[in-house]
Amino acid sequence: MRIDVSGKHLEVTPAIEEYATTKCDRLTKYYDGVQSIRVVLNQLRNEEFEVELLAEVEKHDTFVAKSHGADVYGCIDAAIDKMTRQLTDFKEKLKNAKR
């Protein structure tokens, strides 16, 4: 699985990149069909951050999870939680469709 971390109006430090990468690695636990994940970090004008996760998976369009707030690490966590829910729901949907 490939994980790309990029920033808009923000320099992505190695600490932020490592944090986002380790959090995204856990997403395969919820659905193993994840092929790649893009993490886009954006710093807004009012000192807030916006995080957007784009997960390309098998058998579905790209999943998108967004979060914004004052702390970039908290935004990453919130976006990961949203993506976890989406992937879990999709996996359950696939399981129930096979029955």
C-alpha atoms as a PDB file:
ATOM      1  CA  MET A   1       0.000   0.000   0.000  1.00  0.00           C
ATOM      2  CA  ARG A   2       1.282   3.446  -0.920  1.00  0.00           C
ATOM      3  CA  ILE A   3       0.847   6.444   1.393  1.00  0.00           C
ATOM      4  CA  ASP A   4       1.508   9.973   0.112  1.00  0.00           C
ATOM      5  CA  VAL A   5       1.583  12.941   2.485  1.00  0.00           C
ATOM      6  CA  SER A   6       1.518  16.431   0.978  1.00  0.00           C
ATOM      7  CA  GLY A   7       0.886  19.949   2.208  1.00  0.00           C
ATOM      8  CA  LYS A   8      -0.743  23.088   0.846  1.00  0.00           C
ATOM      9  CA  HIS A   9       0.430  26.361   2.376  1.00  0.00           C
ATOM     10  CA  LEU A  10       2.231  24.211   4.938  1.00  0.00           C
ATOM     11  CA  GLU A  11       5.634  22.577   5.153  1.00  0.00           C
ATOM     12  CA  VAL A  12       5.220  18.925   6.064  1.00  0.00           C
ATOM     13  CA  THR A  13       7.776  18.130   8.751  1.00  0.00           C
ATOM     14  CA  PRO A  14       9.189  14.605   9.131  1.00  0.00           C
ATOM     15  CA  ALA A  15       7.325  14.268  12.449  1.00  0.00           C
ATOM     16  CA  ILE A  16       3.958  15.079  10.861  1.00  0.00           C
ATOM     17  CA  GLU A  17       4.672  12.770   7.922  1.00  0.00           C
ATOM     18  CA  GLU A  18       5.649   9.887  10.202  1.00  0.00           C
ATOM     19  CA  TYR A  19       2.561  10.426  12.393  1.00  0.00           C
ATOM     20  CA  ALA A  20       0.216  10.438   9.404  1.00  0.00           C
ATOM     21  CA  THR A  21       1.922   7.396   7.874  1.00  0.00           C
ATOM     22  CA  THR A  22       1.709   5.292  11.037  1.00  0.00           C
ATOM     23  CA  LYS A  23      -1.960   6.200  11.505  1.00  0.00           C
ATOM     24  CA  CYS A  24      -2.778   5.360   7.880  1.00  0.00           C
ATOM     25  CA  ASP A  25      -0.999   2.004   8.101  1.00  0.00           C
ATOM     26  CA  ARG A  26      -3.688   0.858  10.516  1.00  0.00           C
ATOM     27  CA  LEU A  27      -6.476   1.361   7.987  1.00  0.00           C
ATOM     28  CA  THR A  28      -5.702  -1.944   6.245  1.00  0.00           C
ATOM     29  CA  LYS A  29      -6.879  -3.651   9.425  1.00  0.00           C
ATOM     30  CA  TYR A  30     -10.427  -2.504   8.668  1.00  0.00           C
ATOM     31  CA  TYR A  31     -10.446  -3.288   4.938  1.00  0.00           C
ATOM     32  CA  ASP A  32      -7.574  -5.058   3.218  1.00  0.00           C
ATOM     33  CA  GLY A  33      -8.563  -3.826  -0.254  1.00  0.00           C
ATOM     34  CA  VAL A  34      -6.977  -0.411   0.331  1.00  0.00           C
ATOM     35  CA  GLN A  35      -4.546   0.263  -2.511  1.00  0.00           C
ATOM     36  CA  SER A  36      -3.271   3.769  -1.769  1.00  0.00           C
ATOM     37  CA  ILE A  37      -3.904   6.653   0.591  1.00  0.00           C
ATOM     38  CA  ARG A  38      -3.265  10.362   0.001  1.00  0.00           C
ATOM     39  CA  VAL A  39      -3.089  12.697   2.968  1.00  0.00           C
ATOM     40  CA  VAL A  40      -3.435  16.378   2.051  1.00  0.00           C
ATOM     41  CA  LEU A  41      -2.662  18.867   4.824  1.00  0.00           C
ATOM     42  CA  ASN A  42      -3.775  22.461   4.333  1.00  0.00           C
ATOM     43  CA  GLN A  43      -3.179  25.465   6.559  1.00  0.00           C
ATOM     44  CA  LEU A  44      -6.012  27.959   6.333  1.00  0.00           C
ATOM     45  CA  ARG A  45      -5.675  31.723   6.789  1.00  0.00           C
ATOM     46  CA  ASN A  46      -7.076  31.802  10.305  1.00  0.00           C
ATOM     47  CA  GLU A  47      -4.390  29.482  11.762  1.00  0.00           C
ATOM     48  CA  GLU A  48      -6.571  26.414  11.391  1.00  0.00           C
ATOM     49  CA  PHE A  49      -5.663  23.208   9.626  1.00  0.00           C
ATOM     50  CA  GLU A  50      -7.638  21.060   7.230  1.00  0.00           C
ATOM     51  CA  VAL A  51      -6.832  17.401   6.623  1.00  0.00           C
ATOM     52  CA  GLU A  52      -8.218  15.422   3.710  1.00  0.00           C
ATOM     53  CA  LEU A  53      -7.748  11.661   3.362  1.00  0.00           C
ATOM     54  CA  LEU A  54      -8.337   9.994   0.000  1.00  0.00           C
ATOM     55  CA  ALA A  55      -8.319   6.198   0.041  1.00  0.00           C
ATOM     56  CA  GLU A  56      -8.388   4.267  -3.211  1.00  0.00           C
ATOM     57  CA  VAL A  57      -9.884   0.816  -2.663  1.00  0.00           C
ATOM     58  CA  GLU A  58     -10.879  -2.185  -4.723  1.00  0.00           C
ATOM     59  CA  LYS A  59     -14.509  -2.524  -5.845  1.00  0.00           C
ATOM     60  CA  HIS A  60     -15.478   1.051  -4.914  1.00  0.00           C
ATOM     61  CA  ASP A  61     -14.851   4.693  -5.738  1.00  0.00           C
ATOM     62  CA  THR A  62     -12.338   6.662  -3.714  1.00  0.00           C
ATOM     63  CA  PHE A  63     -13.318   7.237  -0.076  1.00  0.00           C
ATOM     64  CA  VAL A  64     -12.863  10.805   1.217  1.00  0.00           C
ATOM     65  CA  ALA A  65     -12.626  11.952   4.841  1.00  0.00           C
ATOM     66  CA  LYS A  66     -12.099  15.591   5.862  1.00  0.00           C
ATOM     67  CA  SER A  67     -11.434  17.272   9.151  1.00  0.00           C
ATOM     68  CA  HIS A  68     -10.427  20.738  10.287  1.00  0.00           C
ATOM     69  CA  GLY A  69      -9.357  22.320  13.560  1.00  0.00           C
ATOM     70  CA  ALA A  70      -6.612  24.152  15.413  1.00  0.00           C
ATOM     71  CA  ASP A  71      -4.290  21.138  15.916  1.00  0.00           C
ATOM     72  CA  VAL A  72      -2.912  19.288  12.899  1.00  0.00           C
ATOM     73  CA  TYR A  73      -2.441  16.048  14.861  1.00  0.00           C
ATOM     74  CA  GLY A  74      -6.012  16.179  16.146  1.00  0.00           C
ATOM     75  CA  CYS A  75      -7.253  16.760  12.607  1.00  0.00           C
ATOM     76  CA  ILE A  76      -5.329  13.724  11.382  1.00  0.00           C
ATOM     77  CA  ASP A  77      -6.883  11.614  14.156  1.00  0.00           C
ATOM     78  CA  ALA A  78     -10.390  12.848  13.364  1.00  0.00           C
ATOM     79  CA  ALA A  79      -9.971  12.146   9.638  1.00  0.00           C
ATOM     80  CA  ILE A  80      -8.619   8.663  10.409  1.00  0.00           C
ATOM     81  CA  ASP A  81     -11.671   7.987  12.607  1.00  0.00           C
ATOM     82  CA  LYS A  82     -14.003   9.033   9.794  1.00  0.00           C
ATOM     83  CA  MET A  83     -12.136   6.877   7.270  1.00  0.00           C
ATOM     84  CA  THR A  84     -12.207   3.925   9.680  1.00  0.00           C
ATOM     85  CA  ARG A  85     -15.986   4.185   9.913  1.00  0.00           C
ATOM     86  CA  GLN A  86     -16.362   4.374   6.133  1.00  0.00           C
ATOM     87  CA  LEU A  87     -14.126   1.364   5.498  1.00  0.00           C
ATOM     88  CA  THR A  88     -15.791  -0.687   8.245  1.00  0.00           C
ATOM     89  CA  ASP A  89     -19.257   0.086   6.885  1.00  0.00           C
ATOM     90  CA  PHE A  90     -18.169  -0.819   3.359  1.00  0.00           C
ATOM     91  CA  LYS A  91     -16.660  -4.126   4.504  1.00  0.00           C
ATOM     92  CA  GLU A  92     -19.881  -4.994   6.360  1.00  0.00           C
ATOM     93  CA  LYS A  93     -21.884  -4.109   3.268  1.00  0.00           C
ATOM     94  CA  LEU A  94     -19.757  -6.472   1.180  1.00  0.00           C
ATOM     95  CA  LYS A  95     -20.149  -9.267   3.734  1.00  0.00           C
ATOM     96  CA  ASN A  96     -23.931  -8.891   3.847  1.00  0.00           C
ATOM     97  CA  ALA A  97     -24.200  -8.807   0.054  1.00  0.00           C
ATOM     98  CA  LYS A  98     -22.555 -12.225  -0.218  1.00  0.00           C
ATOM     99  CA  ARG A  99     -25.204 -13.874   1.955  1.00  0.00           C
END
